[in-house]
């Protein structure tokens, strides 16, 4: 580019695009933080209500049924089905099964 005005405008455009991108990232990050905070507060309220109404045991049972992933259940120290892979028992070869004479 030989045109200094064009170079300045392109440079300014790049800086503005970077600034817009940063503001969008910050906004999205703040929205995610707000959503997490809302969930924490709603959960705290529900737990408080369950404790107050002596429904905590029932709530934990419902939560155990609601959560499907073992990792999620582990967060609440709830029982979960651990799927252990079954390994077939080793088979004996005929040479191992028959004693040598």
Protein backbone atom coordinates (compact mmCIF):
# COMPACT_ATOMS: atom_id res chain seq x y z
CA UNK A 1 0.00 0.00 0.00
CA UNK A 2 1.37 3.32 -1.01
CA UNK A 3 -1.53 5.36 0.22
CA UNK A 4 -0.88 6.54 3.84
CA UNK A 5 -4.53 7.41 4.39
CA UNK A 6 -5.58 3.91 3.37
CA UNK A 7 -2.93 2.37 5.63
CA UNK A 8 -4.17 4.43 8.59
CA UNK A 9 -7.76 3.42 7.93
CA UNK A 10 -6.88 -0.27 7.61
CA UNK A 11 -4.85 -0.07 10.83
CA UNK A 12 -7.71 1.66 12.61
CA UNK A 13 -10.18 -0.92 11.29
CA UNK A 14 -8.02 -3.76 12.65
CA UNK A 15 -7.78 -2.09 16.07
CA UNK A 16 -11.55 -1.53 16.16
CA UNK A 17 -12.24 -5.14 15.16
CA UNK A 18 -9.91 -6.33 17.92
CA UNK A 19 -11.67 -4.06 20.42
CA UNK A 20 -15.12 -5.29 19.34
CA UNK A 21 -13.92 -8.88 19.71
CA UNK A 22 -12.60 -8.16 23.21
CA UNK A 23 -15.84 -6.47 24.29
CA UNK A 24 -17.89 -9.39 22.93
CA UNK A 25 -15.65 -11.85 24.82
CA UNK A 26 -15.97 -9.90 28.07
CA UNK A 27 -19.74 -9.66 27.67
CA UNK A 28 -20.08 -13.37 26.96
CA UNK A 29 -17.81 -14.20 29.90
CA UNK A 30 -19.85 -12.01 32.25
CA UNK A 31 -23.11 -13.58 31.04
CA UNK A 32 -21.69 -17.04 31.77
CA UNK A 33 -20.63 -15.92 35.26
CA UNK A 34 -24.10 -14.46 35.89
CA UNK A 35 -25.75 -17.70 34.75
CA UNK A 36 -23.54 -19.73 37.08
CA UNK A 37 -24.31 -17.39 39.98
CA UNK A 38 -28.07 -17.67 39.31
CA UNK A 39 -27.82 -21.46 39.40
CA UNK A 40 -25.84 -21.42 42.64
CA UNK A 41 -28.35 -19.09 44.31
CA UNK A 42 -31.34 -21.10 43.05
CA UNK A 43 -29.73 -24.32 44.30
CA UNK A 44 -29.00 -22.76 47.70
CA UNK A 45 -32.62 -21.64 47.96
CA UNK A 46 -33.95 -25.09 47.06
CA UNK A 47 -31.65 -26.77 49.60
CA UNK A 48 -32.74 -24.32 52.29
CA UNK A 49 -36.40 -24.98 51.53
CA UNK A 50 -35.85 -28.75 51.60
CA UNK A 51 -34.08 -28.51 54.96
CA UNK A 52 -36.80 -26.28 56.36
CA UNK A 53 -39.58 -28.61 55.21
CA UNK A 54 -37.70 -31.78 56.23
CA UNK A 55 -37.65 -32.88 52.59
CA UNK A 56 -33.89 -33.10 52.16
CA UNK A 57 -33.86 -36.91 52.02
CA UNK A 58 -36.58 -36.93 49.36
CA UNK A 59 -34.73 -34.24 47.41
CA UNK A 60 -31.51 -36.27 47.46
CA UNK A 61 -33.41 -39.31 46.19
CA UNK A 62 -34.91 -37.25 43.38
CA UNK A 63 -31.50 -35.79 42.57
CA UNK A 64 -30.00 -39.28 42.43
CA UNK A 65 -32.63 -40.27 39.85
CA UNK A 66 -32.31 -37.00 37.93
CA UNK A 67 -28.54 -37.11 37.50
CA UNK A 68 -27.46 -39.68 34.95
CA UNK A 69 -23.71 -39.17 34.68
CA UNK A 70 -21.51 -40.77 37.32
CA UNK A 71 -19.27 -37.69 37.36
CA UNK A 72 -22.28 -35.49 38.22
CA UNK A 73 -23.36 -37.83 41.00
CA UNK A 74 -19.83 -37.86 42.37
CA UNK A 75 -19.99 -34.08 42.79
CA UNK A 76 -22.80 -34.58 45.31
CA UNK A 77 -21.29 -37.78 46.76
CA UNK A 78 -24.34 -39.71 45.59
CA UNK A 79 -24.28 -43.44 44.89
CA UNK A 80 -23.83 -44.36 41.28
CA UNK A 81 -23.56 -47.47 39.19
CA UNK A 82 -20.00 -48.09 38.32
CA UNK A 83 -19.71 -49.97 35.11
CA UNK A 84 -16.76 -52.26 35.40
CA UNK A 85 -15.68 -53.92 32.25
CA UNK A 86 -15.94 -57.66 32.42
CA UNK A 87 -12.77 -59.46 31.57
CA UNK A 88 -13.27 -63.02 30.43
CA UNK A 89 -11.57 -65.63 32.55
CA UNK A 90 -8.42 -67.00 31.00
CA UNK A 91 -8.97 -70.28 29.25
CA UNK A 92 -6.64 -73.17 29.70
CA UNK A 93 -5.00 -74.75 26.76
CA UNK A 94 -5.15 -78.50 26.45
CA UNK A 95 -1.48 -78.74 27.34
CA UNK A 96 -2.09 -76.84 30.60
CA UNK A 97 -5.17 -78.86 31.49
CA UNK A 98 -3.60 -82.30 31.01
CA UNK A 99 -0.70 -83.26 33.24
CA UNK A 100 2.52 -84.28 31.57
CA UNK A 101 3.50 -87.94 31.85
